[in-house]
């Protein structure tokens, strides 16, 4: 379920070198910032998905691949960043996920066109 179930959606999480135990020992905790892209699988640019989601009232941003500490990751496509919070209802998360799935499918079809 979630983003992982959306065809073509590639979730970009913490780099492999990230040590969660060390971070936790320093008082850090995971946050609800999620980044993903579909350019590497569907050819859908993050900027295009951003525009489509914004038009539907879903606030996201785009971060460049250079916004990364792992050198190998700098060659990746830019990512869409979404930051759900405790103030979001589950229905809002479901709505955002449905919109992401619909817009990715629409934009991927347009790419073929």
Foldseek 3Di string as FASTA:
>chain_A
DFQVPQPQKAKDDADPPDDPVVCVVVVDDDFQKTKIDRCVPLVDAQVQLCVQVVVVVADWDKAQQVPHDDPVSNPPGIIIIHGDDPVDDVVVSVVSRVSSSVVSVVRSVVVVD
